[in-house]
Protein backbone atom coordinates (compact mmCIF):
# COMPACT_ATOMS: atom_id res chain seq x y z
CA MET A 1 54.49 -5.58 -2.90
CA THR A 2 51.20 -7.12 -2.15
CA THR A 3 51.62 -6.57 1.50
CA THR A 4 52.70 -2.90 1.08
CA VAL A 5 49.59 -2.37 -1.15
CA HIS A 6 47.48 -4.06 1.62
CA HIS A 7 48.97 -1.91 4.38
CA ASN A 8 48.61 1.31 2.44
CA TRP A 9 44.93 0.41 1.77
CA VAL A 10 44.31 -0.31 5.39
CA THR A 11 46.02 2.98 6.49
CA ALA A 12 43.75 4.90 4.05
CA LEU A 13 40.66 3.47 5.28
CA GLU A 14 41.60 4.13 8.96
CA GLN A 15 42.52 7.69 8.16
CA LYS A 16 38.95 8.20 6.42
CA TRP A 17 37.49 6.58 9.45
CA LEU A 18 39.12 9.05 11.64
CA ASN A 19 38.28 12.06 9.66
CA ASN A 20 34.31 11.14 9.90
CA LYS A 21 34.64 9.75 13.30
CA ARG A 22 33.58 13.03 15.00
CA TYR A 23 30.08 12.67 13.34
CA TRP A 24 29.65 9.16 14.31
CA TYR A 25 30.00 9.96 18.11
CA LEU A 26 26.40 11.36 17.59
CA THR A 27 25.39 7.67 17.88
CA SER A 28 26.02 8.24 21.67
CA LEU A 29 22.65 10.16 21.43
CA LEU A 30 20.66 7.09 20.00
CA LEU A 31 20.36 5.00 23.13
CA PRO A 32 18.79 7.70 25.31
CA THR A 33 16.13 7.98 22.40
CA LEU A 34 15.09 4.42 22.74
CA PRO A 35 13.03 4.87 26.01
CA LEU A 36 11.06 7.71 24.26
CA LEU A 37 10.68 5.55 21.38
CA SER A 38 9.56 2.58 23.41
CA ALA A 39 6.97 4.68 25.42
CA PHE A 40 5.59 5.93 22.19
CA LEU A 41 4.95 2.60 20.61
CA ALA A 42 3.61 1.13 23.83
CA VAL A 43 0.77 3.84 23.88
CA HIS A 44 0.19 3.88 20.23
CA PHE A 45 -0.06 0.08 20.19
CA GLU A 46 -1.51 0.02 23.65
CA GLN A 47 0.81 -2.93 24.43
CA GLY A 48 3.08 -2.58 27.65
CA ALA A 49 5.49 -5.10 26.03
CA TRP A 50 7.27 -2.24 24.02
CA LEU A 51 8.43 -0.75 27.42
CA TRP A 52 10.94 -3.63 27.50
CA LEU A 53 12.55 -2.41 24.14
CA VAL A 54 15.81 -1.11 25.68
CA VAL A 55 16.57 -4.27 27.58
CA PRO A 56 17.18 -6.69 24.38
CA VAL A 57 18.41 -4.00 22.30
CA GLY A 58 21.30 -3.13 24.84
CA TYR A 59 21.98 -6.90 25.75
CA VAL A 60 21.38 -8.68 22.44
CA LEU A 61 21.21 -6.38 19.38
CA VAL A 62 24.53 -4.17 20.51
CA PRO A 63 26.61 -7.28 21.09
CA LEU A 64 25.35 -8.85 17.70
CA LEU A 65 26.34 -5.63 15.83
CA ASP A 66 29.53 -5.26 17.44
CA SER A 67 30.36 -8.83 16.24
CA ILE A 68 29.12 -7.51 12.68
CA VAL A 69 30.93 -4.02 12.74
CA GLY A 70 34.15 -5.16 14.30
CA LYS A 71 36.84 -3.37 16.02
CA ASP A 72 38.37 -0.02 15.82
CA HIS A 73 42.17 -0.01 15.48
CA ALA A 74 42.58 3.59 14.28
CA ASN A 75 44.52 5.87 16.62
CA PRO A 76 44.82 9.59 15.86
CA SER A 77 48.31 10.87 15.25
CA ASP A 78 50.09 13.48 17.33
CA GLU A 79 48.93 16.25 15.20
CA GLN A 80 45.36 15.06 15.15
CA VAL A 81 45.53 14.71 19.13
CA ASP A 82 46.37 18.50 19.14
CA GLN A 83 43.67 19.57 17.18
CA LEU A 84 40.96 17.14 18.69
CA LYS A 85 41.54 17.67 22.26
CA ASN A 86 40.65 21.28 22.49
CA ASP A 87 37.61 20.95 19.95
CA ARG A 88 34.60 22.01 21.80
CA TYR A 89 32.58 20.01 19.43
CA PHE A 90 33.25 16.89 21.40
CA ALA A 91 32.08 18.63 24.55
CA HIS A 92 28.74 19.60 22.84
CA VAL A 93 28.22 15.96 21.94
CA LEU A 94 28.29 15.15 25.78
CA TYR A 95 26.01 18.11 26.50
CA GLY A 96 23.48 16.90 24.07
CA ALA A 97 23.56 13.23 25.56
CA THR A 98 23.15 14.84 29.08
CA ALA A 99 19.91 16.74 27.83
CA MET A 100 18.78 13.36 26.18
CA HIS A 101 19.17 11.15 29.08
CA TRP A 102 17.08 13.44 31.21
CA ALA A 103 14.55 13.69 28.38
CA ALA A 104 14.48 9.81 28.44
CA MET A 105 14.09 9.56 32.20
CA VAL A 106 11.37 12.14 32.31
CA GLY A 107 9.34 10.88 29.35
CA MET A 108 9.33 7.28 30.43
CA ALA A 109 8.06 8.55 33.77
CA TYR A 110 5.29 10.52 32.32
CA VAL A 111 4.17 7.51 30.36
CA VAL A 112 4.33 5.29 33.08
CA SER A 113 2.40 7.53 35.34
CA HIS A 114 -0.52 8.47 32.75
CA TRP A 115 -1.54 5.23 31.47
CA HIS A 116 -2.43 1.86 33.25
CA TRP A 117 0.03 -0.89 32.84
CA SER A 118 0.72 -4.30 33.99
CA TRP A 119 3.28 -4.97 36.59
CA VAL A 120 5.13 -6.80 33.93
CA ALA A 121 5.13 -3.61 31.89
CA MET A 122 6.30 -1.37 34.72
CA LEU A 123 9.20 -3.67 35.20
CA GLY A 124 10.35 -3.39 31.66
CA ALA A 125 9.83 0.43 31.86
CA GLY A 126 12.07 0.58 35.13
CA LEU A 127 14.57 -1.78 33.70
CA SER A 128 14.70 -0.07 30.26
CA ALA A 129 15.37 3.45 31.98
CA GLY A 130 17.95 1.91 34.38
CA LEU A 131 19.75 0.55 31.44
CA ILE A 132 19.93 3.99 29.77
CA ASN A 133 20.74 5.46 33.21
CA GLY A 134 23.85 3.10 33.22
CA VAL A 135 24.81 4.49 29.68
CA GLY A 136 24.50 8.16 31.34
CA LEU A 137 26.89 7.05 33.88
CA ALA A 138 29.57 6.70 30.99
CA ILE A 139 28.64 10.32 29.92
CA GLY A 140 28.96 11.43 33.29
CA HIS A 141 32.21 9.65 33.64
CA GLU A 142 33.72 11.48 30.91
CA LEU A 143 32.38 14.83 31.80
CA GLY A 144 33.57 14.12 35.59
CA HIS A 145 37.15 13.98 34.66
CA LYS A 146 37.11 17.53 33.46
CA ALA A 147 37.71 19.05 36.95
CA THR A 148 39.26 22.14 35.10
CA ASP A 149 36.42 22.92 33.28
CA GLN A 150 33.54 23.98 35.65
CA GLU A 151 30.83 23.74 32.67
CA GLN A 152 31.67 20.35 31.77
CA THR A 153 31.93 19.02 35.52
CA LEU A 154 28.33 20.64 36.05
CA ALA A 155 27.05 18.60 33.06
CA GLY A 156 28.61 15.58 34.37
CA LYS A 157 26.97 16.08 37.84
CA LEU A 158 23.45 16.58 36.12
CA VAL A 159 23.62 13.48 34.20
CA LEU A 160 24.85 11.37 37.02
CA ALA A 161 21.90 12.72 38.84
CA CYS A 162 19.54 10.80 36.61
CA CYS A 163 20.02 7.76 38.80
CA GLY A 164 21.09 9.25 42.00
CA TYR A 165 24.72 8.27 41.82
CA GLY A 166 25.79 11.67 43.20
CA HIS A 167 29.01 10.06 44.84
CA PHE A 168 30.54 8.86 41.70
CA ILE A 169 32.90 11.67 40.80
CA VAL A 170 34.39 11.89 44.33
CA GLU A 171 34.80 8.06 44.52
CA HIS A 172 35.75 7.42 41.03
CA ASN A 173 38.33 10.31 40.45
CA LYS A 174 40.08 10.48 43.82
CA GLY A 175 39.43 6.75 45.02
CA HIS A 176 39.17 4.39 42.21
CA HIS A 177 41.99 5.93 40.06
CA LYS A 178 44.19 5.99 43.04
CA ASP A 179 43.60 2.13 44.24
CA VAL A 180 42.63 0.50 40.89
CA ALA A 181 43.72 -2.91 40.24
CA THR A 182 44.91 -3.20 43.99
CA PRO A 183 43.24 -5.40 46.97
CA GLU A 184 42.68 -2.09 48.55
CA ASP A 185 39.79 -1.01 45.75
CA PRO A 186 36.38 -2.13 46.27
CA ALA A 187 35.68 -1.18 42.41
CA SER A 188 38.16 -3.71 41.32
CA ALA A 189 36.92 -7.23 40.88
CA ARG A 190 39.25 -10.11 42.16
CA PHE A 191 40.11 -13.26 40.53
CA GLY A 192 37.49 -16.09 41.14
CA GLU A 193 34.85 -13.39 42.88
CA SER A 194 31.52 -13.69 41.37
CA LEU A 195 29.57 -10.70 39.97
CA TYR A 196 27.30 -10.84 42.86
CA ARG A 197 29.83 -11.10 45.71
CA PHE A 198 31.55 -8.29 44.27
CA ALA A 199 28.50 -6.08 44.32
CA CYS A 200 28.06 -6.72 48.05
CA ARG A 201 31.53 -5.26 48.40
CA GLU A 202 31.66 -2.72 45.82
CA LEU A 203 28.25 -0.91 46.22
CA PRO A 204 28.94 -0.02 49.83
CA GLY A 205 32.43 0.18 49.63
CA ALA A 206 32.43 2.91 47.00
CA LEU A 207 29.76 4.91 48.90
CA VAL A 208 31.74 4.77 52.17
CA ARG A 209 34.98 5.57 50.36
CA ALA A 210 33.54 8.59 48.56
CA TRP A 211 31.90 9.82 51.58
CA HIS A 212 35.04 9.63 53.65
CA LEU A 213 37.06 11.44 50.87
CA GLU A 214 34.63 14.29 50.61
CA THR A 215 34.37 14.72 54.52
CA GLN A 216 38.09 14.76 54.62
CA ARG A 217 38.24 17.58 51.85
CA LEU A 218 35.74 19.62 53.80
CA GLN A 219 37.34 19.32 57.24
CA ARG A 220 40.76 20.79 55.50
CA GLN A 221 38.46 23.76 54.53
CA ASP A 222 37.18 23.93 58.24
CA LYS A 223 33.40 22.94 56.74
CA ARG A 224 31.11 20.18 58.13
CA TRP A 225 29.66 17.38 56.28
CA TRP A 226 26.38 19.27 55.65
CA SER A 227 28.14 22.14 53.99
CA PRO A 228 26.45 23.60 50.85
CA GLN A 229 29.83 22.75 49.16
CA ASN A 230 29.58 19.00 49.70
CA GLU A 231 29.68 17.73 46.26
CA ILE A 232 27.76 14.43 47.13
CA LEU A 233 24.93 16.28 48.85
CA GLN A 234 24.76 18.70 45.79
CA GLN A 235 24.11 15.90 43.57
CA TRP A 236 21.88 13.86 45.68
CA SER A 237 19.54 17.31 46.03
CA PHE A 238 19.29 17.57 42.45
CA THR A 239 18.05 13.96 42.11
CA LEU A 240 15.81 14.10 45.32
CA LEU A 241 14.40 17.60 43.79
CA ALA A 242 13.75 16.06 40.30
CA TYR A 243 12.39 12.77 41.57
CA GLY A 244 10.04 14.94 44.17
CA LEU A 245 8.81 17.16 41.29
CA MET A 246 7.79 14.02 39.21
CA LEU A 247 6.15 12.39 42.30
CA TYR A 248 4.24 15.46 43.09
CA PHE A 249 2.68 16.11 39.76
CA TRP A 250 2.33 12.59 38.51
CA GLY A 251 1.81 10.55 41.74
CA ILE A 252 3.30 7.84 43.82
CA VAL A 253 2.66 5.38 41.16
CA LEU A 254 6.07 6.30 39.94
CA VAL A 255 8.00 5.13 43.22
CA PRO A 256 8.44 1.52 41.77
CA PHE A 257 9.51 3.00 38.62
CA LEU A 258 11.98 5.46 40.16
CA PHE A 259 13.61 2.87 42.33
CA LEU A 260 14.08 0.47 39.44
CA ALA A 261 15.42 3.13 37.13
CA ALA A 262 18.07 4.26 39.76
CA GLY A 263 18.90 0.77 41.15
CA PHE A 264 19.49 -0.60 37.82
CA GLY A 265 21.27 2.21 36.81
CA TRP A 266 23.66 1.64 39.61
CA TRP A 267 23.78 -1.96 38.70
CA GLN A 268 25.06 -1.27 35.18
CA LEU A 269 28.11 0.69 36.99
CA THR A 270 28.73 -2.35 38.99
CA LEU A 271 28.92 -4.56 35.96
CA ALA A 272 31.27 -2.19 34.34
CA ASN A 273 33.58 -2.19 37.42
CA TYR A 274 33.44 -5.85 37.61
CA VAL A 275 34.55 -6.39 33.91
CA GLU A 276 37.22 -3.52 33.68
CA HIS A 277 39.94 -4.81 36.01
CA TYR A 278 38.97 -8.52 36.87
CA GLY A 279 41.77 -10.22 38.43
CA LEU A 280 44.44 -7.73 37.31
CA LEU A 281 46.89 -6.55 40.07
CA ARG A 282 49.67 -3.71 40.09
CA GLN A 283 52.62 -5.08 42.12
CA LYS A 284 54.43 -3.01 44.61
CA ASP A 285 57.93 -1.68 44.13
CA THR A 286 60.93 -1.82 46.48
CA THR A 287 59.51 0.97 48.78
CA GLY A 288 56.17 -0.91 49.15
CA ARG A 289 54.22 1.35 47.31
CA TYR A 290 52.06 0.14 44.33
CA GLN A 291 53.63 1.01 40.82
CA ARG A 292 52.10 3.38 38.64
CA CYS A 293 48.91 2.46 36.89
CA GLU A 294 49.84 1.10 33.28
CA PRO A 295 47.86 0.18 30.27
CA LYS A 296 48.08 -3.57 31.17
CA HIS A 297 46.11 -3.17 34.45
CA SER A 298 42.93 -2.46 32.72
CA TRP A 299 40.82 -4.98 30.10
CA ASN A 300 40.31 -3.31 26.96
CA SER A 301 37.45 -3.52 24.43
CA ASN A 302 37.77 -1.96 21.25
CA PHE A 303 34.57 -2.91 19.20
CA LYS A 304 33.70 -0.05 17.13
CA LEU A 305 29.81 0.38 17.84
CA SER A 306 29.91 0.19 21.72
CA ASN A 307 32.76 2.30 21.93
CA LEU A 308 30.93 5.14 20.09
CA LEU A 309 27.81 4.52 22.02
CA LEU A 310 29.79 4.73 25.41
CA VAL A 311 32.35 7.46 24.14
CA HIS A 312 35.28 5.23 24.29
CA LEU A 313 34.87 4.13 27.73
CA GLN A 314 35.86 0.78 26.69
CA ARG A 315 39.43 1.86 25.71
CA HIS A 316 39.80 1.68 29.48
CA SER A 317 43.36 0.88 29.13
CA ASP A 318 44.42 4.31 27.83
CA HIS A 319 41.76 5.97 30.33
CA HIS A 320 43.48 4.52 33.33
CA ALA A 321 46.87 5.41 32.19
CA HIS A 322 46.00 8.78 31.15
CA PRO A 323 42.86 9.91 33.12
CA THR A 324 42.75 13.44 31.87
CA ARG A 325 42.74 12.51 28.08
CA PRO A 326 39.60 13.27 26.63
CA TYR A 327 37.68 10.53 25.06
CA GLN A 328 38.13 11.54 21.47
CA VAL A 329 41.91 10.94 21.39
CA LEU A 330 41.76 7.80 23.60
CA ARG A 331 44.22 5.22 21.92
CA ASP A 332 43.93 1.63 21.15
CA TYR A 333 46.76 -0.60 22.65
CA HIS A 334 47.67 -3.98 20.87
CA ASP A 335 49.52 -5.45 23.89
CA VAL A 336 47.06 -5.07 26.67
CA PRO A 337 44.27 -7.66 28.18
CA GLN A 338 41.43 -7.76 25.59
CA LEU A 339 37.78 -8.42 26.26
CA PRO A 340 36.66 -11.05 23.89
CA GLN A 341 33.36 -8.82 23.49
CA GLY A 342 31.90 -5.14 24.02
CA TYR A 343 30.85 -3.96 27.59
CA PHE A 344 27.10 -5.01 27.02
CA GLY A 345 27.89 -8.47 25.68
CA MET A 346 30.22 -8.93 28.94
CA PHE A 347 27.85 -7.70 31.29
CA LEU A 348 25.41 -10.31 30.21
CA VAL A 349 28.32 -12.92 30.62
CA ALA A 350 29.12 -11.83 33.88
CA MET A 351 25.74 -12.17 35.15
CA ILE A 352 26.05 -15.95 34.89
CA PRO A 353 29.21 -16.63 36.94
CA PRO A 354 30.07 -20.20 35.58
CA LEU A 355 30.15 -18.54 32.18
CA TRP A 356 32.14 -15.78 33.25
CA PHE A 357 34.85 -17.87 34.70
CA ALA A 358 34.97 -20.12 31.85
CA ILE A 359 35.54 -17.32 29.35
CA MET A 360 37.80 -14.85 31.61
CA ASN A 361 39.84 -17.20 34.20
CA HIS A 362 42.22 -18.46 31.70
CA ARG A 363 42.84 -15.03 30.21
CA VAL A 364 43.71 -13.68 33.51
CA VAL A 365 46.11 -16.81 33.91
CA ALA A 366 47.72 -16.03 30.53
CA TRP A 367 48.00 -12.29 31.50
CA ALA A 368 50.12 -13.34 34.50
CA GLN A 369 51.76 -16.10 32.74
CA GLY A 370 50.71 -18.60 35.13
CA ASP A 371 52.11 -16.71 38.22
CA MET A 372 49.13 -16.27 40.44
CA ALA A 373 51.32 -14.33 42.92
CA LEU A 374 50.85 -11.45 40.32
CA VAL A 375 47.04 -11.77 40.34
CA ASN A 376 44.42 -10.01 42.50
CA LEU A 377 42.92 -13.20 44.02
CA ASP A 378 39.90 -13.53 46.09
CA PRO A 379 41.44 -14.01 49.70
CA ALA A 380 38.67 -16.38 50.52
CA GLN A 381 39.55 -18.72 47.83
CA ARG A 382 43.36 -17.84 47.64
CA GLU A 383 44.77 -21.45 48.49
CA THR A 384 42.42 -23.26 46.13
CA LEU A 385 43.08 -20.89 43.43
CA MET A 386 46.71 -21.05 43.86
CA GLN A 387 46.64 -24.98 43.68
CA ARG A 388 44.42 -24.93 40.67
CA TYR A 389 46.00 -22.35 38.49
CA HIS A 390 49.64 -21.52 39.74
CA GLN A 391 52.22 -22.73 36.98
CA PRO A 392 54.43 -19.92 36.48
CA THR A 393 56.49 -19.53 33.30
CA GLN A 394 58.26 -16.31 33.81
CA SER A 395 57.79 -13.21 35.75
CA ALA A 396 57.59 -10.80 32.83
CA ASN A 397 54.57 -9.07 34.36
CA GLN A 398 56.51 -7.53 37.17
C-alpha cells in the first residue's frame, strides 16, 4: 500500500512538472544574459574581473546546481507528444534565445572596445563570450534539425554564425548522424583518446567532411563550390559581415576578443562531441553495414537544470535514435549509458584526461560487458587497451 501511494505521489509530481515545464524552458534565455550582466558590472564597478563572470557560473555553479536540483525522469505521454511537437511556443523560445545570443556577443564587444581593460580582463571577456557561443551552438543544433521549416533553419544558421561555425548544420546532420559511434566519424571520441588528441582529429575532420558533403550536393545540381547556394559560405558570410561591422565601427582592438569568442565557442562543441559518444561503437550486421543508431550508442545526461539551459541536448540517446524529434518531447531512457554529471561538469572533467579516464573508462567497459571488441578503441592503443580491459562476460550488446 505504501509503495502504491509513493508511486502515485511521484507520478503526480512528474505530471505537474510536465505541465509547467514549457515555462521553465525560458531559462535557456538566462545564460545569454550573463555576458551583458558581467559587462554592466565591470563598467559600473570599474573592475575588469567581472568580465570573467560567465566562466565560473558555467563550469562551477551550474554543475553544483545540477547536483542539488537533481534529475528529470518525467516523459510526456503519447497524447502530450502530439500536443507539444506542433506547439509554436517552443520555436519562439529558440528564436528568443537566438536574439539574446547575438545581443550578448554585440554587447560584450561594445564594452570591450569602449573601455580600457587589462589583457587578463580581455581574456575573461573572450572566454565568457565563447562559452555562451557554445551554448548558442546547442540552440543552433536544435533549430538546424528542422530542415522542413525554413524559418527555423534560418534562425539556426543565424545563431551558429555567432562564432563562425557555419559548417555545423551540414556536417552534423549529414555526416555525424550517419557515421556516429563508428571509427569513421571524426566527431565520435574513441576509448583511450584524450580530449586534446580528439580535438586534433575532430576539428579539421568535421570541417573537411562538411565541405566535401556540401560540394557534392552542389555538384549534383551542376553548381560550383562558390555558388551563392553554398550553405557553408552563406553562414560564414554572415559571420564575416557581423564581425567586420563591429571591427569597422569599434576598432581593431576587438580582434583578440573576436578570435577568442569564436575559438572558445568551437571548443565547447568539441567538448560536447567528446563526451557524447566516448568509446561507444555500433556493430556491423551480416552485410557489413553498421547497425541503426540506437539509444545505447550515446551517453545520456538527465540533470534537470542543464537540460533546460541546453534545450534537452543532454537527452542525447533519444536525439540520435530519433533525430527529427523536437527538444520538448525528447524522452529519458533508464537503460542507456549515463554520464555522472551534466555537460558543464563533464566538460571540466574532460579537460583533465587522467580524471576523465578514471571516471569514464570503467563505465565504457561495463557498457560493453568487458568485451572490448564492442568498443570504439583508439587504434594507436588498441593492443594495450585490449590487454588491460578485455574480460568479456557475455555479448549482449551485439
